[in-house]
């Protein structure tokens, strides 16, 4: 994956969240005491969100990119991804209970648009969306709702503008998640879908 995508993944996501938190006026503080309790939260975050990616980017996105452009496929996956989180808004003890559901769904759509060309640039590596999901759900990030959504939307617009040729071209996205070096199987599979 190109260095620019790695920069967005490693530095960009925290920058987006902290910018949103500053705009929201949220306190930027470390909420774990004693400090080592953060490791439990990190372990949970490493599993819960990234496991979802087996379905979202490991299966749904490649299948949708067989019939749609990456942009349309991202919007379909993003819509389903947003609706998937509906139960979290129905329980009073979740962080989402205090958020606006429509704003959340818009944010998830923006995230889907951002991660799709990243996934495609990584040639279908599920590791990239798993790391992306981990970064977005980072337990040490401050609550930046709804302003982080605004920043994610702006970043998604920039991602689409800079990648417009690939984003709007049917057949430009990864259609399979294969082991590196398995180009023959990829060609055979693509020939079967055309």
Foldseek 3Di string as FASTA:
>chain_A
DDPVLVCCLPPVLLVLLVVLCVVVVFDQDFPDPVPVVLVVVLVVLLPDQLVCLCPLLVAQLLQVLLPFASLVSLQVSLQVVLVVCVVLCVDPPHPNVPADSVLSSLLSSLLSLSCQVVCQVVLNDSVSVSSSSSSNVPPSGTDSPPRSSVSSNVVSVVSCVVCVVRRHDRPSGRNHRDDPPPVVVSVVVSVVSD
